PDB file of N, CA and C in Angstrom:
ATOM      1  N   MET A   1     -18.880  -6.112  -5.851  1.00  0.00           N
ATOM      2  CA  MET A   1     -17.799  -4.872  -5.595  1.00  0.00           C
ATOM      3  C   MET A   1     -16.636  -5.416  -4.737  1.00  0.00           C
ATOM      4  N   LYS A   2     -15.437  -5.057  -4.918  1.00  0.00           N
ATOM      5  CA  LYS A   2     -14.359  -5.335  -3.969  1.00  0.00           C
ATOM      6  C   LYS A   2     -14.234  -4.173  -3.068  1.00  0.00           C
ATOM      7  N   ASN A   3     -13.903  -4.773  -1.887  1.00  0.00           N
ATOM      8  CA  ASN A   3     -13.637  -3.492  -0.915  1.00  0.00           C
ATOM      9  C   ASN A   3     -12.224  -2.805  -1.171  1.00  0.00           C
ATOM     10  N   LEU A   4     -11.916  -1.649  -0.778  1.00  0.00           N
ATOM     11  CA  LEU A   4     -10.832  -0.821  -1.029  1.00  0.00           C
ATOM     12  C   LEU A   4     -10.105  -1.004   0.499  1.00  0.00           C
ATOM     13  N   PHE A   5      -8.450  -1.097   0.411  1.00  0.00           N
ATOM     14  CA  PHE A   5      -7.808  -0.937   1.330  1.00  0.00           C
ATOM     15  C   PHE A   5      -6.804   0.421   1.388  1.00  0.00           C
ATOM     16  N   VAL A   6      -6.711   0.771   2.450  1.00  0.00           N
ATOM     17  CA  VAL A   6      -5.829   1.976   2.846  1.00  0.00           C
ATOM     18  C   VAL A   6      -4.662   1.374   3.625  1.00  0.00           C
ATOM     19  N   ILE A   7      -3.406   1.479   3.193  1.00  0.00           N
ATOM     20  CA  ILE A   7      -2.255   0.979   4.137  1.00  0.00           C
ATOM     21  C   ILE A   7      -1.331   2.306   4.591  1.00  0.00           C
ATOM     22  N   LEU A   8      -1.429   2.291   5.989  1.00  0.00           N
ATOM     23  CA  LEU A   8      -0.858   3.288   6.373  1.00  0.00           C
ATOM     24  C   LEU A   8       0.689   2.938   6.676  1.00  0.00           C
ATOM     25  N   ILE A   9       1.555   3.324   6.143  1.00  0.00           N
ATOM     26  CA  ILE A   9       2.954   3.078   6.523  1.00  0.00           C
ATOM     27  C   ILE A   9       3.575   4.013   7.288  1.00  0.00           C
ATOM     28  N   THR A  10       4.092   3.785   8.462  1.00  0.00           N
ATOM     29  CA  THR A  10       5.172   4.702   9.297  1.00  0.00           C
ATOM     30  C   THR A  10       6.443   4.318   9.444  1.00  0.00           C
ATOM     31  N   TYR A  11       7.071   5.207   8.937  1.00  0.00           N
ATOM     32  CA  TYR A  11       8.541   4.975   9.417  1.00  0.00           C
ATOM     33  C   TYR A  11       9.041   4.997  10.765  1.00  0.00           C
ATOM     34  N   THR A  12       9.686   4.021  10.987  1.00  0.00           N
ATOM     35  CA  THR A  12      10.200   3.696  12.405  1.00  0.00           C
ATOM     36  C   THR A  12      11.736   3.845  12.366  1.00  0.00           C
ATOM     37  N   LYS A  13      12.526   3.985  11.371  1.00  0.00           N
ATOM     38  CA  LYS A  13      13.734   4.404  11.459  1.00  0.00           C
ATOM     39  C   LYS A  13      14.222   5.776  10.614  1.00  0.00           C
ATOM     40  N   SER A  14      15.548   6.304  10.546  1.00  0.00           N
ATOM     41  CA  SER A  14      15.720   7.643  10.026  1.00  0.00           C
ATOM     42  C   SER A  14      15.492   7.468   8.661  1.00  0.00           C
ATOM     43  N   MET A  15      15.294   8.738   8.021  1.00  0.00           N
ATOM     44  CA  MET A  15      15.195   9.013   6.891  1.00  0.00           C
ATOM     45  C   MET A  15      16.245   8.485   5.716  1.00  0.00           C
ATOM     46  N   SER A  16      17.414   8.582   6.341  1.00  0.00           N
ATOM     47  CA  SER A  16      18.972   7.951   5.658  1.00  0.00           C
ATOM     48  C   SER A  16      18.595   6.554   5.628  1.00  0.00           C
ATOM     49  N   GLU A  17      18.034   5.830   6.498  1.00  0.00           N
ATOM     50  CA  GLU A  17      17.904   4.302   6.262  1.00  0.00           C
ATOM     51  C   GLU A  17      16.804   4.006   5.375  1.00  0.00           C
ATOM     52  N   ILE A  18      15.392   4.853   5.511  1.00  0.00           N
ATOM     53  CA  ILE A  18      14.490   4.713   4.492  1.00  0.00           C
ATOM     54  C   ILE A  18      14.719   4.804   2.995  1.00  0.00           C
ATOM     55  N   GLU A  19      15.725   5.975   2.911  1.00  0.00           N
ATOM     56  CA  GLU A  19      16.260   6.179   1.626  1.00  0.00           C
ATOM     57  C   GLU A  19      16.907   5.033   0.895  1.00  0.00           C
ATOM     58  N   THR A  20      17.797   4.303   1.789  1.00  0.00           N
ATOM     59  CA  THR A  20      18.414   3.215   1.102  1.00  0.00           C
ATOM     60  C   THR A  20      17.480   1.909   0.573  1.00  0.00           C
ATOM     61  N   ILE A  21      16.492   1.847   1.185  1.00  0.00           N
ATOM     62  CA  ILE A  21      15.424   0.770   0.956  1.00  0.00           C
ATOM     63  C   ILE A  21      14.581   1.222   0.029  1.00  0.00           C
ATOM     64  N   LEU A  22      14.289   2.609  -0.336  1.00  0.00           N
ATOM     65  CA  LEU A  22      13.106   3.165  -1.047  1.00  0.00           C
ATOM     66  C   LEU A  22      13.070   2.322  -2.653  1.00  0.00           C
ATOM     67  N   PRO A  23      14.345   2.203  -3.346  1.00  0.00           N
ATOM     68  CA  PRO A  23      14.298   1.697  -4.822  1.00  0.00           C
ATOM     69  C   PRO A  23      13.586   0.218  -4.237  1.00  0.00           C
ATOM     70  N   ALA A  24      13.813  -0.413  -3.602  1.00  0.00           N
ATOM     71  CA  ALA A  24      13.465  -1.988  -3.302  1.00  0.00           C
ATOM     72  C   ALA A  24      12.034  -1.818  -2.944  1.00  0.00           C
ATOM     73  N   HIS A  25      11.596  -0.896  -2.197  1.00  0.00           N
ATOM     74  CA  HIS A  25      10.242  -0.598  -1.632  1.00  0.00           C
ATOM     75  C   HIS A  25       9.047  -0.361  -2.941  1.00  0.00           C
ATOM     76  N   ARG A  26       9.869   0.352  -4.001  1.00  0.00           N
ATOM     77  CA  ARG A  26       9.007   1.023  -5.063  1.00  0.00           C
ATOM     78  C   ARG A  26       8.774  -0.388  -6.239  1.00  0.00           C
ATOM     79  N   ALA A  27      10.007  -1.161  -6.292  1.00  0.00           N
ATOM     80  CA  ALA A  27      10.014  -2.389  -6.873  1.00  0.00           C
ATOM     81  C   ALA A  27       8.873  -3.220  -6.584  1.00  0.00           C
ATOM     82  N   PHE A  28       8.892  -3.237  -5.291  1.00  0.00           N
ATOM     83  CA  PHE A  28       7.770  -4.091  -4.671  1.00  0.00           C
ATOM     84  C   PHE A  28       6.498  -3.759  -4.940  1.00  0.00           C
ATOM     85  N   LEU A  29       6.321  -2.338  -4.680  1.00  0.00           N
ATOM     86  CA  LEU A  29       4.984  -1.739  -5.181  1.00  0.00           C
ATOM     87  C   LEU A  29       4.522  -1.866  -6.461  1.00  0.00           C
ATOM     88  N   GLN A  30       5.564  -2.035  -7.496  1.00  0.00           N
ATOM     89  CA  GLN A  30       5.127  -2.027  -8.866  1.00  0.00           C
ATOM     90  C   GLN A  30       4.574  -3.533  -9.226  1.00  0.00           C
ATOM     91  N   LYS A  31       5.136  -4.617  -8.310  1.00  0.00           N
ATOM     92  CA  LYS A  31       4.216  -5.828  -8.474  1.00  0.00           C
ATOM     93  C   LYS A  31       2.781  -5.746  -8.290  1.00  0.00           C
ATOM     94  N   GLY A  32       2.558  -4.970  -7.171  1.00  0.00           N
ATOM     95  CA  GLY A  32       1.062  -4.862  -6.874  1.00  0.00           C
ATOM     96  C   GLY A  32       0.373  -4.100  -8.051  1.00  0.00           C
ATOM     97  N   TYR A  33       0.975  -3.311  -8.772  1.00  0.00           N
ATOM     98  CA  TYR A  33       0.442  -2.553  -9.693  1.00  0.00           C
ATOM     99  C   TYR A  33       0.270  -3.391 -10.861  1.00  0.00           C
ATOM    100  N   GLU A  34       1.246  -4.265 -11.343  1.00  0.00           N
ATOM    101  CA  GLU A  34       1.404  -5.301 -12.324  1.00  0.00           C
ATOM    102  C   GLU A  34       0.138  -6.217 -12.120  1.00  0.00           C
ATOM    103  N   SER A  35      -0.009  -6.398 -10.859  1.00  0.00           N
ATOM    104  CA  SER A  35      -1.122  -7.527 -10.563  1.00  0.00           C
ATOM    105  C   SER A  35      -2.603  -7.111 -10.514  1.00  0.00           C
ATOM    106  N   LYS A  36      -2.743  -5.583 -10.698  1.00  0.00           N
ATOM    107  CA  LYS A  36      -3.786  -4.771 -10.575  1.00  0.00           C
ATOM    108  C   LYS A  36      -4.614  -4.677  -9.136  1.00  0.00           C
ATOM    109  N   ASN A  37      -3.483  -4.667  -7.939  1.00  0.00           N
ATOM    110  CA  ASN A  37      -4.172  -4.877  -6.881  1.00  0.00           C
ATOM    111  C   ASN A  37      -4.098  -3.245  -6.132  1.00  0.00           C
ATOM    112  N   LEU A  38      -3.023  -2.623  -6.716  1.00  0.00           N
ATOM    113  CA  LEU A  38      -2.839  -1.180  -6.515  1.00  0.00           C
ATOM    114  C   LEU A  38      -3.358  -0.250  -7.340  1.00  0.00           C
ATOM    115  N   LEU A  39      -3.862   0.789  -6.436  1.00  0.00           N
ATOM    116  CA  LEU A  39      -4.394   1.979  -7.404  1.00  0.00           C
ATOM    117  C   LEU A  39      -3.560   3.294  -7.343  1.00  0.00           C
ATOM    118  N   ALA A  40      -2.985   3.430  -6.228  1.00  0.00           N
ATOM    119  CA  ALA A  40      -2.256   4.639  -5.717  1.00  0.00           C
ATOM    120  C   ALA A  40      -1.209   4.330  -4.740  1.00  0.00           C
ATOM    121  N   SER A  41       0.080   5.143  -4.517  1.00  0.00           N
ATOM    122  CA  SER A  41       0.757   5.003  -3.416  1.00  0.00           C
ATOM    123  C   SER A  41       1.753   6.464  -3.406  1.00  0.00           C
ATOM    124  N   GLY A  42       2.109   6.647  -2.409  1.00  0.00           N
ATOM    125  CA  GLY A  42       2.913   7.897  -2.239  1.00  0.00           C
ATOM    126  C   GLY A  42       3.330   8.082  -1.048  1.00  0.00           C
ATOM    127  N   PRO A  43       4.231   8.925  -0.606  1.00  0.00           N
ATOM    128  CA  PRO A  43       4.849   9.552   0.886  1.00  0.00           C
ATOM    129  C   PRO A  43       3.459  10.389   1.292  1.00  0.00           C
ATOM    130  N   GLN A  44       3.567  10.442   2.696  1.00  0.00           N
ATOM    131  CA  GLN A  44       2.844  11.266   3.385  1.00  0.00           C
ATOM    132  C   GLN A  44       3.339  12.544   3.317  1.00  0.00           C
ATOM    133  N   ASN A  45       2.535  13.440   3.837  1.00  0.00           N
ATOM    134  CA  ASN A  45       3.176  14.830   3.900  1.00  0.00           C
ATOM    135  C   ASN A  45       2.968  15.598   5.335  1.00  0.00           C
ATOM    136  N   PRO A  46       3.884  15.748   6.199  1.00  0.00           N
ATOM    137  CA  PRO A  46       5.328  15.797   6.077  1.00  0.00           C
ATOM    138  C   PRO A  46       5.923  13.888   5.879  1.00  0.00           C
ATOM    139  N   LYS A  47       7.027  13.894   5.489  1.00  0.00           N
ATOM    140  CA  LYS A  47       7.159  12.458   5.308  1.00  0.00           C
ATOM    141  C   LYS A  47       7.557  11.667   6.450  1.00  0.00           C
ATOM    142  N   VAL A  48       6.591  11.233   6.894  1.00  0.00           N
ATOM    143  CA  VAL A  48       6.469  10.483   8.263  1.00  0.00           C
ATOM    144  C   VAL A  48       6.306   8.850   7.765  1.00  0.00           C
ATOM    145  N   GLY A  49       5.800   8.632   6.761  1.00  0.00           N
ATOM    146  CA  GLY A  49       5.546   7.475   6.234  1.00  0.00           C
ATOM    147  C   GLY A  49       4.841   7.648   4.601  1.00  0.00           C
ATOM    148  N   GLY A  50       4.108   6.479   4.562  1.00  0.00           N
ATOM    149  CA  GLY A  50       3.491   6.393   3.037  1.00  0.00           C
ATOM    150  C   GLY A  50       1.896   5.945   3.232  1.00  0.00           C
ATOM    151  N   ILE A  51       1.168   6.365   2.238  1.00  0.00           N
ATOM    152  CA  ILE A  51       0.115   5.599   1.884  1.00  0.00           C
ATOM    153  C   ILE A  51      -0.322   5.045   0.681  1.00  0.00           C
ATOM    154  N   VAL A  52      -0.781   3.924   0.823  1.00  0.00           N
ATOM    155  CA  VAL A  52      -1.336   2.823  -0.429  1.00  0.00           C
ATOM    156  C   VAL A  52      -2.622   2.688  -0.271  1.00  0.00           C
ATOM    157  N   VAL A  53      -3.350   2.751  -1.627  1.00  0.00           N
ATOM    158  CA  VAL A  53      -4.806   2.569  -1.819  1.00  0.00           C
ATOM    159  C   VAL A  53      -4.709   1.303  -2.705  1.00  0.00           C
ATOM    160  N   GLY A  54      -5.501   0.281  -2.566  1.00  0.00           N
ATOM    161  CA  GLY A  54      -5.564  -0.824  -3.431  1.00  0.00           C
ATOM    162  C   GLY A  54      -6.881  -1.992  -2.929  1.00  0.00           C
ATOM    163  N   THR A  55      -7.038  -2.730  -3.884  1.00  0.00           N
ATOM    164  CA  THR A  55      -8.129  -3.736  -3.420  1.00  0.00           C
ATOM    165  C   THR A  55      -7.350  -5.090  -3.507  1.00  0.00           C
ATOM    166  N   PHE A  56      -7.817  -5.716  -2.581  1.00  0.00           N
ATOM    167  CA  PHE A  56      -7.272  -7.307  -2.356  1.00  0.00           C
ATOM    168  C   PHE A  56      -8.437  -8.184  -2.089  1.00  0.00           C
ATOM    169  N   ASP A  57      -8.523  -9.321  -2.078  1.00  0.00           N
ATOM    170  CA  ASP A  57      -9.547 -10.554  -1.944  1.00  0.00           C
ATOM    171  C   ASP A  57      -9.933 -10.378  -0.433  1.00  0.00           C
ATOM    172  N   SER A  58      -9.048  -9.812   0.587  1.00  0.00           N
ATOM    173  CA  SER A  58      -9.419  -9.961   1.775  1.00  0.00           C
ATOM    174  C   SER A  58      -8.198  -9.046   2.734  1.00  0.00           C
ATOM    175  N   LYS A  59      -8.519  -8.560   3.917  1.00  0.00           N
ATOM    176  CA  LYS A  59      -7.699  -7.872   4.735  1.00  0.00           C
ATOM    177  C   LYS A  59      -6.567  -8.820   4.934  1.00  0.00           C
ATOM    178  N   GLU A  60      -6.722 -10.252   5.188  1.00  0.00           N
ATOM    179  CA  GLU A  60      -5.500 -11.051   5.229  1.00  0.00           C
ATOM    180  C   GLU A  60      -4.695 -11.011   4.047  1.00  0.00           C
ATOM    181  N   ALA A  61      -5.261 -10.904   2.797  1.00  0.00           N
ATOM    182  CA  ALA A  61      -4.445 -11.034   1.868  1.00  0.00           C
ATOM    183  C   ALA A  61      -3.459  -9.877   1.501  1.00  0.00           C
ATOM    184  N   ALA A  62      -4.286  -8.720   2.072  1.00  0.00           N
ATOM    185  CA  ALA A  62      -3.387  -7.276   1.979  1.00  0.00           C
ATOM    186  C   ALA A  62      -2.169  -7.534   2.987  1.00  0.00           C
ATOM    187  N   GLU A  63      -2.716  -7.791   4.349  1.00  0.00           N
ATOM    188  CA  GLU A  63      -1.556  -7.888   5.413  1.00  0.00           C
ATOM    189  C   GLU A  63      -0.508  -9.024   4.799  1.00  0.00           C
ATOM    190  N   GLU A  64      -0.866 -10.006   4.024  1.00  0.00           N
ATOM    191  CA  GLU A  64       0.215 -11.005   3.492  1.00  0.00           C
ATOM    192  C   GLU A  64       1.187 -10.403   2.513  1.00  0.00           C
ATOM    193  N   PHE A  65       0.397  -9.848   1.684  1.00  0.00           N
ATOM    194  CA  PHE A  65       1.272  -8.877   0.418  1.00  0.00           C
ATOM    195  C   PHE A  65       2.328  -7.960   1.103  1.00  0.00           C
ATOM    196  N   PHE A  66       1.789  -7.232   1.942  1.00  0.00           N
ATOM    197  CA  PHE A  66       2.687  -6.276   2.550  1.00  0.00           C
ATOM    198  C   PHE A  66       3.721  -6.834   3.670  1.00  0.00           C
ATOM    199  N   LYS A  67       3.477  -7.975   4.029  1.00  0.00           N
ATOM    200  CA  LYS A  67       4.692  -8.727   4.954  1.00  0.00           C
ATOM    201  C   LYS A  67       5.854  -8.854   4.108  1.00  0.00           C
ATOM    202  N   ASN A  68       5.785  -8.690   2.595  1.00  0.00           N
ATOM    203  CA  ASN A  68       7.124  -8.917   1.779  1.00  0.00           C
ATOM    204  C   ASN A  68       7.409  -7.461   1.378  1.00  0.00           C
ATOM    205  N   ASP A  69       7.006  -6.339   1.736  1.00  0.00           N
ATOM    206  CA  ASP A  69       7.258  -5.048   1.554  1.00  0.00           C
ATOM    207  C   ASP A  69       8.905  -5.007   2.094  1.00  0.00           C
ATOM    208  N   PRO A  70      10.105  -4.652   1.308  1.00  0.00           N
ATOM    209  CA  PRO A  70      11.216  -4.332   2.030  1.00  0.00           C
ATOM    210  C   PRO A  70      11.115  -3.561   3.332  1.00  0.00           C
ATOM    211  N   TYR A  71      10.547  -2.676   3.333  1.00  0.00           N
ATOM    212  CA  TYR A  71      10.172  -1.957   4.646  1.00  0.00           C
ATOM    213  C   TYR A  71      10.182  -2.595   5.551  1.00  0.00           C
ATOM    214  N   ALA A  72       8.984  -3.774   5.666  1.00  0.00           N
ATOM    215  CA  ALA A  72       8.731  -4.560   6.635  1.00  0.00           C
ATOM    216  C   ALA A  72      10.140  -5.611   6.876  1.00  0.00           C
ATOM    217  N   LEU A  73      10.483  -6.139   5.841  1.00  0.00           N
ATOM    218  CA  LEU A  73      11.544  -7.124   5.805  1.00  0.00           C
ATOM    219  C   LEU A  73      12.799  -6.635   6.441  1.00  0.00           C
ATOM    220  N   ASN A  74      12.959  -5.161   6.321  1.00  0.00           N
ATOM    221  CA  ASN A  74      14.171  -4.364   6.906  1.00  0.00           C
ATOM    222  C   ASN A  74      13.701  -3.640   8.333  1.00  0.00           C
ATOM    223  N   SER A  75      12.631  -3.895   8.672  1.00  0.00           N
ATOM    224  CA  SER A  75      12.232  -3.418  10.058  1.00  0.00           C
ATOM    225  C   SER A  75      12.488  -1.885  10.146  1.00  0.00           C
ATOM    226  N   VAL A  76      11.949  -1.198   9.062  1.00  0.00           N
ATOM    227  CA  VAL A  76      12.136   0.365   9.094  1.00  0.00           C
ATOM    228  C   VAL A  76      10.771   1.026   9.029  1.00  0.00           C
ATOM    229  N   ALA A  77       9.674  -0.021   8.952  1.00  0.00           N
ATOM    230  CA  ALA A  77       8.564   0.638   9.068  1.00  0.00           C
ATOM    231  C   ALA A  77       7.339   0.021   9.417  1.00  0.00           C
ATOM    232  N   THR A  78       6.203   0.544   9.792  1.00  0.00           N
ATOM    233  CA  THR A  78       4.928  -0.332  10.207  1.00  0.00           C
ATOM    234  C   THR A  78       4.050  -0.128   9.015  1.00  0.00           C
ATOM    235  N   HIS A  79       3.164  -1.164   9.160  1.00  0.00           N
ATOM    236  CA  HIS A  79       2.023  -1.080   8.069  1.00  0.00           C
ATOM    237  C   HIS A  79       0.719  -1.291   8.705  1.00  0.00           C
ATOM    238  N   GLN A  80      -0.305  -0.472   8.574  1.00  0.00           N
ATOM    239  CA  GLN A  80      -1.752  -0.714   9.166  1.00  0.00           C
ATOM    240  C   GLN A  80      -2.588  -0.664   7.958  1.00  0.00           C
ATOM    241  N   VAL A  81      -3.354  -2.087   7.999  1.00  0.00           N
ATOM    242  CA  VAL A  81      -4.045  -2.210   7.024  1.00  0.00           C
ATOM    243  C   VAL A  81      -5.488  -1.874   7.164  1.00  0.00           C
ATOM    244  N   LEU A  82      -6.173  -0.795   6.492  1.00  0.00           N
ATOM    245  CA  LEU A  82      -7.456  -0.267   7.142  1.00  0.00           C
ATOM    246  C   LEU A  82      -8.397  -0.676   5.722  1.00  0.00           C
ATOM    247  N   GLU A  83      -9.606  -1.383   5.911  1.00  0.00           N
ATOM    248  CA  GLU A  83     -10.520  -1.725   5.109  1.00  0.00           C
ATOM    249  C   GLU A  83     -11.737  -1.301   4.861  1.00  0.00           C
ATOM    250  N   PHE A  84     -12.289  -0.755   3.826  1.00  0.00           N
ATOM    251  CA  PHE A  84     -13.460  -0.204   3.862  1.00  0.00           C
ATOM    252  C   PHE A  84     -14.248  -0.294   2.487  1.00  0.00           C
ATOM    253  N   THR A  85     -15.389  -0.301   2.499  1.00  0.00           N
ATOM    254  CA  THR A  85     -16.649  -0.671   1.735  1.00  0.00           C
ATOM    255  C   THR A  85     -16.895   0.891   0.833  1.00  0.00           C
ATOM    256  N   PRO A  86     -16.565   0.829  -0.334  1.00  0.00           N
ATOM    257  CA  PRO A  86     -16.723   2.144  -1.313  1.00  0.00           C
ATOM    258  C   PRO A  86     -18.239   2.151  -1.640  1.00  0.00           C
ATOM    259  N   VAL A  87     -18.900   3.211  -1.076  1.00  0.00           N
ATOM    260  CA  VAL A  87     -20.244   3.404  -1.485  1.00  0.00           C
ATOM    261  C   VAL A  87     -20.512   4.346  -2.482  1.00  0.00           C
ATOM    262  N   LEU A  88     -19.643   5.324  -2.518  1.00  0.00           N
ATOM    263  CA  LEU A  88     -19.739   6.342  -3.595  1.00  0.00           C
ATOM    264  C   LEU A  88     -18.523   6.350  -3.978  1.00  0.00           C
ATOM    265  N   HIS A  89     -18.155   6.320  -5.449  1.00  0.00           N
ATOM    266  CA  HIS A  89     -16.843   6.718  -6.066  1.00  0.00           C
ATOM    267  C   HIS A  89     -17.095   7.336  -7.533  1.00  0.00           C
ATOM    268  N   GLN A  90     -15.955   7.773  -7.844  1.00  0.00           N
ATOM    269  CA  GLN A  90     -15.975   8.162  -9.539  1.00  0.00           C
ATOM    270  C   GLN A  90     -15.866   6.904 -10.198  1.00  0.00           C
ATOM    271  N   GLY A  91     -16.786   7.583 -11.279  1.00  0.00           N
ATOM    272  CA  GLY A  91     -17.147   6.299 -12.159  1.00  0.00           C
ATOM    273  C   GLY A  91     -15.971   5.745 -12.917  1.00  0.00           C
ATOM    274  N   PHE A  92     -14.896   6.659 -13.130  1.00  0.00           N
ATOM    275  CA  PHE A  92     -13.648   5.674 -13.658  1.00  0.00           C
ATOM    276  C   PHE A  92     -13.165   4.456 -12.657  1.00  0.00           C
ATOM    277  N   LEU A  93     -13.588   4.665 -11.415  1.00  0.00           N
ATOM    278  CA  LEU A  93     -13.117   3.548 -10.619  1.00  0.00           C
ATOM    279  C   LEU A  93     -13.909   2.238 -10.563  1.00  0.00           C
ATOM    280  N   LYS A  94     -15.079   2.081 -11.422  1.00  0.00           N
ATOM    281  CA  LYS A  94     -15.918   1.179 -11.611  1.00  0.00           C
ATOM    282  C   LYS A  94     -15.052  -0.289 -12.023  1.00  0.00           C
ATOM    283  N   GLU A  95     -14.369  -0.172 -13.115  1.00  0.00           N
ATOM    284  CA  GLU A  95     -13.667  -1.145 -13.906  1.00  0.00           C
ATOM    285  C   GLU A  95     -12.813  -1.840 -12.546  1.00  0.00           C
ATOM    286  N   PHE A  96     -12.034  -0.746 -12.099  1.00  0.00           N
ATOM    287  CA  PHE A  96     -10.844  -1.036 -10.904  1.00  0.00           C
ATOM    288  C   PHE A  96     -11.762  -2.119  -9.859  1.00  0.00           C
ATOM    289  N   LEU A  97     -12.879  -1.576  -9.371  1.00  0.00           N
ATOM    290  CA  LEU A  97     -13.473  -2.085  -8.297  1.00  0.00           C
ATOM    291  C   LEU A  97     -14.342  -3.371  -8.600  1.00  0.00           C
ATOM    292  N   ASP A  98     -14.710  -3.730  -9.890  1.00  0.00           N
ATOM    293  CA  ASP A  98     -15.598  -4.730 -10.291  1.00  0.00           C
ATOM    294  C   ASP A  98     -14.515  -5.746 -10.972  1.00  0.00           C
ATOM    295  N   SER A  99     -13.321  -5.656 -11.111  1.00  0.00           N
ATOM    296  CA  SER A  99     -12.307  -6.513 -11.598  1.00  0.00           C
ATOM    297  C   SER A  99     -12.108  -7.776 -10.520  1.00  0.00           C
TER     298      SER A  99
END
C-alpha cells in the first residue's frame, strides 16, 4: 500500500495575484489527476491557501512534482508536503492506494 500525502499550500501574495495564476495552477493539478497521483484538491476555508491529497512514490517525488506548480514558479505560495501511512480507510480507496 502506498503512503498518502497532504500538501498544504499557503498563499504568500494577495488574492488578486493568486486569482491570475489560478487557471494555470488548476491545469497543473489536472496533470496529477491524469497520472493518477492526486485524489482531491481545493481551497482552504477561509481562502488562505489550498489542500491537495495524493499518493507518490516518495516524499521527494511529491516535492519535485509541486516545484512545478505555477504557484511555486511565480512565488505566490509555499507548499508543505506531509506524508502519512493510511492504517484505516474507506474501501473505495483500496484500488487507489494499491495502484
